[in-house]
């Protein structure tokens, strides 16, 4: 009986094995690149979704390119390099108590899912490579800006005007200010003191903002009285946020501060909100605050006519017919926006256009008068 020759099968099998091993090796070599490419594609898709969310929810306060406006700048290399994805996620999710930054996560009463917040973080990361340095050669620390920042982020623990509270010690204390220099305060603000409950603000604040806080500390050290320029609108919004969190005492604090700078017939509404809180009618007080925020500010059209002529007519025309600036008589944006939205817009301006912010040029009351004046054009008066 003739034996079958298996040699050719063995050789064929070996060749097949070599080919398969080579294929697997090539695939294995290419796998990291393939996974990296896939990861990049997923990141880009996430960032595109985040861009849409940013435009709808964030641009009004933080600027269309993250340059800042009513809210702080986000498109800052210092900020983006020091803030981890987790910190960004948690800040968007929970907001920043004591500021006008609300909580955005659905689990905290906001409109965004966790996936939506991750998409938003992905979009912000696209800024990082080309983000500008916030600190510039011409930057001069400012105690007024520092007090505005202190009132939005620090007073809850350290008390009004830095005089101390139930949670943290006074900063505005002569003996303490004499014994501790700015290098010490810079380090504590930047890196925190976790064992004592002091957060790491260096991951949230830009270096310039920390320098503004140090300018405030210098002013206190020199016995200077500093007045904050934080708007009534911002303080009303802070009161709304605190009430949404059930913080009645902090709500009252912001309400009192807002009332000090308020003007016009709407001032009576502050006492209404205060009475509702005294009666523990929190829901009605919250609704009243929301209405107050939307209606604020109410100015006098006759006063606004003079301010408009001096400040706005060159660009928008003496009769609102438009020139370099948009036509205001009539204007769909003015028609569809609340007083508070118009106030925020005029204070911050519009990025990429000739419409600059008027925060340092007009008072809140002057802007209120201008809004009342241009409202008459919308009514055909």
Protein backbone atom coordinates (compact mmCIF):
# COMPACT_ATOMS: atom_id res chain seq x y z
CA UNK A 1 0.00 0.00 0.00
CA UNK A 2 1.38 3.37 -1.09
CA UNK A 3 2.01 5.99 1.63
CA UNK A 4 0.51 9.41 1.03
CA UNK A 5 3.00 12.27 0.95
CA UNK A 6 1.94 14.93 3.53
CA UNK A 7 4.98 17.10 2.99
CA UNK A 8 3.24 19.43 0.57
CA UNK A 9 0.37 19.96 3.06
CA UNK A 10 2.82 20.72 5.82
CA UNK A 11 4.63 23.26 3.65
CA UNK A 12 1.34 24.86 2.60
CA UNK A 13 0.24 25.01 6.23
CA UNK A 14 3.49 26.64 7.27
CA UNK A 15 3.18 29.21 4.50
CA UNK A 16 -0.42 29.93 5.52
CA UNK A 17 0.63 30.28 9.16
CA UNK A 18 3.41 32.72 8.23
CA UNK A 19 0.97 34.77 6.15
CA UNK A 20 -1.56 34.86 8.99
CA UNK A 21 1.10 35.81 11.54
CA UNK A 22 2.36 38.54 9.22
CA UNK A 23 -1.18 39.86 8.76
CA UNK A 24 -1.79 39.89 12.50
CA UNK A 25 1.57 41.61 13.07
CA UNK A 26 0.78 44.31 10.53
CA UNK A 27 -2.67 44.80 12.05
CA UNK A 28 -1.14 44.92 15.53
CA UNK A 29 1.43 47.51 14.39
CA UNK A 30 -1.27 49.63 12.77
CA UNK A 31 -3.73 49.28 15.65
CA UNK A 32 -2.40 52.16 17.80
CA UNK A 33 -2.55 54.52 14.82
CA UNK A 34 -6.04 53.28 13.94
CA UNK A 35 -7.23 53.71 17.51
CA UNK A 36 -5.63 57.15 17.71
CA UNK A 37 -7.38 58.18 14.49
CA UNK A 38 -10.67 56.78 15.79
CA UNK A 39 -10.19 58.63 19.08
CA UNK A 40 -9.51 61.88 17.20
CA UNK A 41 -12.67 61.42 15.13
CA UNK A 42 -14.76 60.77 18.24
CA UNK A 43 -13.21 63.85 19.91
CA UNK A 44 -13.98 66.02 16.86
CA UNK A 45 -17.58 64.83 16.77
CA UNK A 46 -17.91 65.55 20.49
CA UNK A 47 -16.38 69.02 20.03
CA UNK A 48 -18.78 69.81 17.17
CA UNK A 49 -21.72 68.96 19.39
CA UNK A 50 -20.10 71.03 22.17
CA UNK A 51 -19.73 74.02 19.84
CA UNK A 52 -23.48 74.02 19.24
CA UNK A 53 -24.17 73.84 22.99
CA UNK A 54 -21.67 76.63 23.69
CA UNK A 55 -23.30 78.91 21.12
CA UNK A 56 -26.76 78.31 22.56
CA UNK A 57 -25.98 78.33 26.29
CA UNK A 58 -22.62 79.96 27.05
CA UNK A 59 -21.65 82.56 24.42
CA UNK A 60 -23.93 85.27 25.79
CA UNK A 61 -21.94 85.52 29.05
CA UNK A 62 -18.49 84.20 28.06
CA UNK A 63 -18.23 85.63 24.52
CA UNK A 64 -18.54 83.93 21.14
CA UNK A 65 -14.89 82.83 21.22
CA UNK A 66 -14.56 82.49 25.00
CA UNK A 67 -12.97 85.91 25.31
CA UNK A 68 -15.18 86.85 28.24
CA UNK A 69 -17.94 89.39 28.71
CA UNK A 70 -20.51 89.28 31.47
CA UNK A 71 -18.72 86.10 32.59
CA UNK A 72 -14.94 85.53 32.79
CA UNK A 73 -12.73 84.58 29.83
CA UNK A 74 -12.50 80.84 29.15
CA UNK A 75 -10.22 81.02 26.10
CA UNK A 76 -7.11 81.51 28.21
CA UNK A 77 -3.99 79.36 27.94
CA UNK A 78 -3.28 79.71 31.66
CA UNK A 79 -6.79 78.62 32.58
CA UNK A 80 -7.04 75.74 30.09
CA UNK A 81 -3.58 74.36 30.94
CA UNK A 82 -4.27 74.27 34.68
CA UNK A 83 -7.93 73.21 34.69
CA UNK A 84 -8.38 69.47 34.20
CA UNK A 85 -11.29 68.02 32.25
CA UNK A 86 -12.78 66.88 35.55
CA UNK A 87 -12.65 70.39 37.02
CA UNK A 88 -14.25 71.84 33.89
CA UNK A 89 -16.94 69.16 33.97
CA UNK A 90 -17.72 69.71 37.66
CA UNK A 91 -17.77 73.51 37.31
CA UNK A 92 -20.26 73.38 34.44
CA UNK A 93 -22.26 70.68 36.18
CA UNK A 94 -22.59 72.33 39.60
CA UNK A 95 -22.04 75.99 38.74
CA UNK A 96 -20.20 78.38 41.05
CA UNK A 97 -22.18 79.30 44.17
CA UNK A 98 -22.13 83.01 44.96
CA UNK A 99 -21.75 83.97 41.29
CA UNK A 100 -24.16 84.29 38.35
CA UNK A 101 -22.81 80.96 37.00
CA UNK A 102 -25.70 78.48 37.43
CA UNK A 103 -25.55 74.70 37.59
CA UNK A 104 -26.07 73.24 34.10
CA UNK A 105 -26.39 69.51 34.80
CA UNK A 106 -29.86 67.99 34.66
CA UNK A 107 -29.21 66.30 38.01
CA UNK A 108 -28.74 69.79 39.48
CA UNK A 109 -31.80 71.27 37.79
CA UNK A 110 -30.04 72.46 34.62
CA UNK A 111 -30.70 71.62 30.95
CA UNK A 112 -27.59 69.59 30.03
CA UNK A 113 -26.93 65.84 30.19
CA UNK A 114 -23.54 64.55 31.35
CA UNK A 115 -22.74 63.72 27.72
CA UNK A 116 -23.61 67.29 26.70
CA UNK A 117 -21.26 68.69 29.36
CA UNK A 118 -18.46 66.36 28.17
CA UNK A 119 -19.08 67.61 24.61
CA UNK A 120 -18.79 71.18 25.90
CA UNK A 121 -15.46 70.38 27.58
CA UNK A 122 -14.21 68.81 24.32
CA UNK A 123 -15.08 72.01 22.46
CA UNK A 124 -13.22 74.14 25.01
CA UNK A 125 -10.15 71.92 24.61
CA UNK A 126 -10.00 72.89 20.92
CA UNK A 127 -9.10 76.42 22.09
CA UNK A 128 -6.14 75.31 24.18
CA UNK A 129 -3.38 75.05 21.55
CA UNK A 130 -3.89 78.59 20.23
CA UNK A 131 -5.40 80.20 23.33
CA UNK A 132 -3.95 83.63 24.17
CA UNK A 133 -2.05 84.32 27.34
CA UNK A 134 -4.37 86.26 29.63
CA UNK A 135 -1.55 88.11 31.31
CA UNK A 136 -0.26 90.93 29.14
CA UNK A 137 2.57 93.43 29.49
CA UNK A 138 0.10 96.28 29.97
CA UNK A 139 -1.93 94.54 32.66
CA UNK A 140 -2.30 96.59 35.84
CA UNK A 141 -3.92 94.87 38.86
CA UNK A 142 -7.07 96.66 39.95
CA UNK A 143 -8.58 96.62 43.45
CA UNK A 144 -12.11 97.42 42.17
CA UNK A 145 -12.03 94.41 39.86
CA UNK A 146 -10.62 92.45 42.78
CA UNK A 147 -13.54 93.43 45.02
CA UNK A 148 -16.03 92.51 42.29
CA UNK A 149 -14.38 89.09 42.05
CA UNK A 150 -14.23 88.77 45.85
CA UNK A 151 -17.96 89.52 46.10
CA UNK A 152 -18.76 86.84 43.54
CA UNK A 153 -16.45 84.09 44.77
CA UNK A 154 -14.99 84.70 48.23
CA UNK A 155 -17.39 86.60 50.47
CA UNK A 156 -19.55 83.57 51.31
CA UNK A 157 -16.69 82.17 53.41
CA UNK A 158 -14.67 85.29 54.26
CA UNK A 159 -17.57 87.70 54.82
CA UNK A 160 -18.56 90.99 53.27
CA UNK A 161 -15.57 93.24 52.64
CA UNK A 162 -13.29 90.45 53.90
CA UNK A 163 -14.29 90.97 57.54
CA UNK A 164 -14.76 87.27 58.22
CA UNK A 165 -17.69 84.90 58.48
CA UNK A 166 -18.81 81.76 60.22
CA UNK A 167 -16.83 79.55 57.82
CA UNK A 168 -13.47 81.29 57.33
CA UNK A 169 -11.41 83.98 59.11
CA UNK A 170 -11.24 87.67 58.23
CA UNK A 171 -8.77 88.70 55.55
CA UNK A 172 -9.35 92.42 56.05
CA UNK A 173 -7.67 92.37 59.44
CA UNK A 174 -4.78 94.80 60.18
CA UNK A 175 -2.63 92.40 62.19
CA UNK A 176 -3.13 89.57 59.70
CA UNK A 177 -2.40 91.83 56.72
CA UNK A 178 0.78 93.08 58.39
CA UNK A 179 2.12 89.62 59.17
CA UNK A 180 1.28 87.96 55.81
CA UNK A 181 2.63 89.29 52.51
CA UNK A 182 1.21 88.98 48.99
CA UNK A 183 3.42 86.02 48.11
CA UNK A 184 1.76 84.07 50.91
CA UNK A 185 -1.73 85.08 49.76
CA UNK A 186 -0.87 84.31 46.12
CA UNK A 187 0.17 80.80 47.09
CA UNK A 188 -2.90 80.18 49.25
CA UNK A 189 -5.29 81.45 46.57
CA UNK A 190 -3.54 79.49 43.82
CA UNK A 191 -3.01 76.18 45.62
CA UNK A 192 -5.59 76.35 48.40
CA UNK A 193 -5.42 74.83 51.86
CA UNK A 194 -7.50 71.66 51.44
CA UNK A 195 -7.08 70.60 55.07
CA UNK A 196 -8.77 73.85 56.14
CA UNK A 197 -11.47 73.83 53.45
CA UNK A 198 -9.83 76.48 51.24
CA UNK A 199 -10.36 75.52 47.56
CA UNK A 200 -7.63 75.54 44.91
CA UNK A 201 -8.68 78.70 43.08
CA UNK A 202 -5.67 78.59 40.75
CA UNK A 203 -7.53 75.99 38.68
CA UNK A 204 -10.52 78.32 38.28
CA UNK A 205 -9.15 81.87 38.25
CA UNK A 206 -6.80 83.31 35.64
CA UNK A 207 -3.47 84.69 36.97
CA UNK A 208 -4.66 88.26 36.30
CA UNK A 209 -7.73 87.67 38.44
CA UNK A 210 -5.54 86.50 41.31
CA UNK A 211 -3.43 89.65 40.91
CA UNK A 212 -6.63 91.74 41.09
CA UNK A 213 -7.47 90.01 44.39
CA UNK A 214 -3.98 90.83 45.67
CA UNK A 215 -4.52 94.48 44.65
CA UNK A 216 -7.65 94.43 46.81
CA UNK A 217 -5.67 92.95 49.71
CA UNK A 218 -3.08 95.72 49.23
CA UNK A 219 -5.85 98.33 49.40
CA UNK A 220 -7.15 96.83 52.64
CA UNK A 221 -3.59 96.74 53.98
CA UNK A 222 -3.33 100.48 53.26
CA UNK A 223 -6.69 101.23 54.89
CA UNK A 224 -8.40 102.18 51.62
CA UNK A 225 -12.17 101.84 51.16
CA UNK A 226 -12.98 100.13 47.83
CA UNK A 227 -16.41 100.15 46.20
CA UNK A 228 -17.40 97.28 43.91
CA UNK A 229 -18.73 97.99 40.43
CA UNK A 230 -20.66 94.72 40.18
CA UNK A 231 -23.98 95.41 38.47
CA UNK A 232 -27.39 95.29 40.10
CA UNK A 233 -28.38 92.77 37.43
CA UNK A 234 -25.53 90.44 38.43
CA UNK A 235 -26.50 90.67 42.10
CA UNK A 236 -30.16 89.91 41.33
CA UNK A 237 -29.03 86.86 39.35
CA UNK A 238 -26.83 85.79 42.26
CA UNK A 239 -29.84 86.10 44.57
CA UNK A 240 -31.84 83.88 42.19
CA UNK A 241 -29.08 81.27 42.19
CA UNK A 242 -28.75 81.24 45.98
CA UNK A 243 -32.52 80.93 46.42
CA UNK A 244 -32.59 78.03 43.95
CA UNK A 245 -30.07 76.31 46.25
CA UNK A 246 -32.18 77.02 49.33
CA UNK A 247 -29.69 79.56 50.76
CA UNK A 248 -32.04 82.17 52.24
CA UNK A 249 -29.35 84.12 54.12
CA UNK A 250 -27.14 84.47 51.03
CA UNK A 251 -30.20 85.40 48.95
CA UNK A 252 -30.92 88.24 51.39
CA UNK A 253 -27.29 89.37 51.20
CA UNK A 254 -27.39 89.77 47.41
CA UNK A 255 -30.87 91.27 47.55
CA UNK A 256 -29.69 93.95 50.01
CA UNK A 257 -26.64 94.74 47.87
CA UNK A 258 -28.74 94.94 44.71
CA UNK A 259 -31.24 97.27 46.37
CA UNK A 260 -28.47 99.70 47.37
CA UNK A 261 -27.64 100.26 43.70
CA UNK A 262 -31.18 100.03 42.35
CA UNK A 263 -33.25 102.94 41.06
CA UNK A 264 -36.65 103.71 39.56
CA UNK A 265 -40.11 102.31 40.27
CA UNK A 266 -38.87 98.72 40.33
CA UNK A 267 -37.16 99.33 43.70
CA UNK A 268 -40.47 98.58 45.45
CA UNK A 269 -40.24 94.98 44.22
CA UNK A 270 -37.24 94.31 46.48
CA UNK A 271 -39.40 94.78 49.57
CA UNK A 272 -42.02 92.46 48.06
CA UNK A 273 -39.43 89.68 47.67
CA UNK A 274 -38.12 90.28 51.18
CA UNK A 275 -41.63 90.03 52.65
CA UNK A 276 -42.29 86.77 50.79
CA UNK A 277 -39.07 85.30 52.19
CA UNK A 278 -40.02 86.43 55.70
CA UNK A 279 -43.30 84.54 55.23
CA UNK A 280 -41.34 81.50 53.97
CA UNK A 281 -43.15 81.67 50.60
CA UNK A 282 -39.99 80.64 48.75
CA UNK A 283 -41.64 79.62 45.47
CA UNK A 284 -43.43 82.93 45.03
CA UNK A 285 -40.30 84.84 46.09
CA UNK A 286 -38.30 82.94 43.45
CA UNK A 287 -40.87 83.73 40.73
CA UNK A 288 -40.86 87.38 41.78
CA UNK A 289 -37.06 87.51 41.59
CA UNK A 290 -37.09 85.99 38.10
CA UNK A 291 -39.59 88.64 36.97
CA UNK A 292 -37.49 91.32 38.65
CA UNK A 293 -34.41 90.08 36.79
CA UNK A 294 -36.18 90.17 33.42
CA UNK A 295 -37.70 93.63 33.98
CA UNK A 296 -34.56 95.23 35.39
CA UNK A 297 -33.67 98.00 34.71
CA UNK A 298 -36.53 100.43 34.08
CA UNK A 299 -35.30 103.85 32.99
CA UNK A 300 -36.78 107.16 31.90
CA UNK A 301 -37.01 107.68 28.13
CA UNK A 302 -36.60 111.47 28.36
CA UNK A 303 -33.30 111.02 30.20
CA UNK A 304 -32.20 108.40 27.70
CA UNK A 305 -32.65 110.73 24.73
CA UNK A 306 -29.73 112.91 25.85
CA UNK A 307 -27.48 109.94 26.66
CA UNK A 308 -28.29 108.36 23.28
CA UNK A 309 -27.49 111.60 21.42
CA UNK A 310 -24.12 111.93 23.16
CA UNK A 311 -23.05 108.28 23.05
CA UNK A 312 -24.93 106.24 20.46
CA UNK A 313 -26.13 108.48 17.63
CA UNK A 314 -22.83 108.63 15.74
CA UNK A 315 -23.00 104.90 14.97
CA UNK A 316 -26.75 104.23 15.09
CA UNK A 317 -28.05 107.53 13.68
CA UNK A 318 -29.80 110.40 15.44
CA UNK A 319 -33.19 108.81 14.73
CA UNK A 320 -32.01 105.22 15.04
CA UNK A 321 -31.89 104.85 11.25
CA UNK A 322 -28.47 103.17 11.38
CA UNK A 323 -25.08 104.25 10.13
CA UNK A 324 -21.94 102.28 10.96
CA UNK A 325 -24.05 100.55 13.57
CA UNK A 326 -27.31 98.65 13.18
CA UNK A 327 -30.67 100.27 12.60
CA UNK A 328 -32.49 100.56 15.93
CA UNK A 329 -35.72 102.16 14.72
CA UNK A 330 -37.11 99.50 14.72
CA UNK A 331 -34.92 96.51 15.62
CA UNK A 332 -35.95 92.85 16.02
CA UNK A 333 -33.28 92.14 18.66
CA UNK A 334 -34.47 95.03 20.83
CA UNK A 335 -38.08 93.92 20.34
CA UNK A 336 -37.42 90.31 21.36
CA UNK A 337 -35.01 90.95 24.27
CA UNK A 338 -35.79 91.71 27.90
CA UNK A 339 -34.38 94.80 29.60
CA UNK A 340 -31.85 92.67 31.48
CA UNK A 341 -30.67 91.02 28.24
CA UNK A 342 -30.23 94.42 26.57
CA UNK A 343 -28.36 95.70 29.63
CA UNK A 344 -25.96 92.74 29.55
CA UNK A 345 -25.45 93.19 25.80
CA UNK A 346 -24.69 96.92 26.07
CA UNK A 347 -22.33 96.35 29.00
CA UNK A 348 -20.30 93.66 27.21
CA UNK A 349 -20.66 94.69 23.53
CA UNK A 350 -20.49 92.38 20.55
CA UNK A 351 -17.21 90.66 19.70
CA UNK A 352 -15.89 91.19 16.15
CA UNK A 353 -17.93 94.35 15.55
CA UNK A 354 -17.54 98.05 16.25
CA UNK A 355 -19.98 97.64 19.16
CA UNK A 356 -17.70 97.75 22.17
CA UNK A 357 -18.78 97.25 25.76
CA UNK A 358 -19.94 100.27 27.78
CA UNK A 359 -19.20 98.88 31.24
CA UNK A 360 -16.58 101.55 31.94
CA UNK A 361 -18.29 104.33 29.96
CA UNK A 362 -21.90 104.45 31.12
CA UNK A 363 -23.53 103.75 34.45
CA UNK A 364 -26.22 101.11 34.75
CA UNK A 365 -28.79 103.88 35.25
CA UNK A 366 -27.71 105.70 32.07
CA UNK A 367 -28.00 102.47 30.09
CA UNK A 368 -31.47 101.92 31.57
CA UNK A 369 -32.54 105.34 30.30
CA UNK A 370 -31.18 104.54 26.81
CA UNK A 371 -33.09 101.24 26.77
CA UNK A 372 -36.30 103.07 27.73
CA UNK A 373 -35.67 105.59 24.94
CA UNK A 374 -35.08 103.06 22.15
CA UNK A 375 -38.06 101.02 23.38
CA UNK A 376 -40.28 103.92 22.27
CA UNK A 377 -39.09 103.42 18.69
CA UNK A 378 -40.23 99.81 18.84
CA UNK A 379 -43.68 101.00 19.91
CA UNK A 380 -43.84 103.43 16.99
CA UNK A 381 -43.87 106.47 19.22
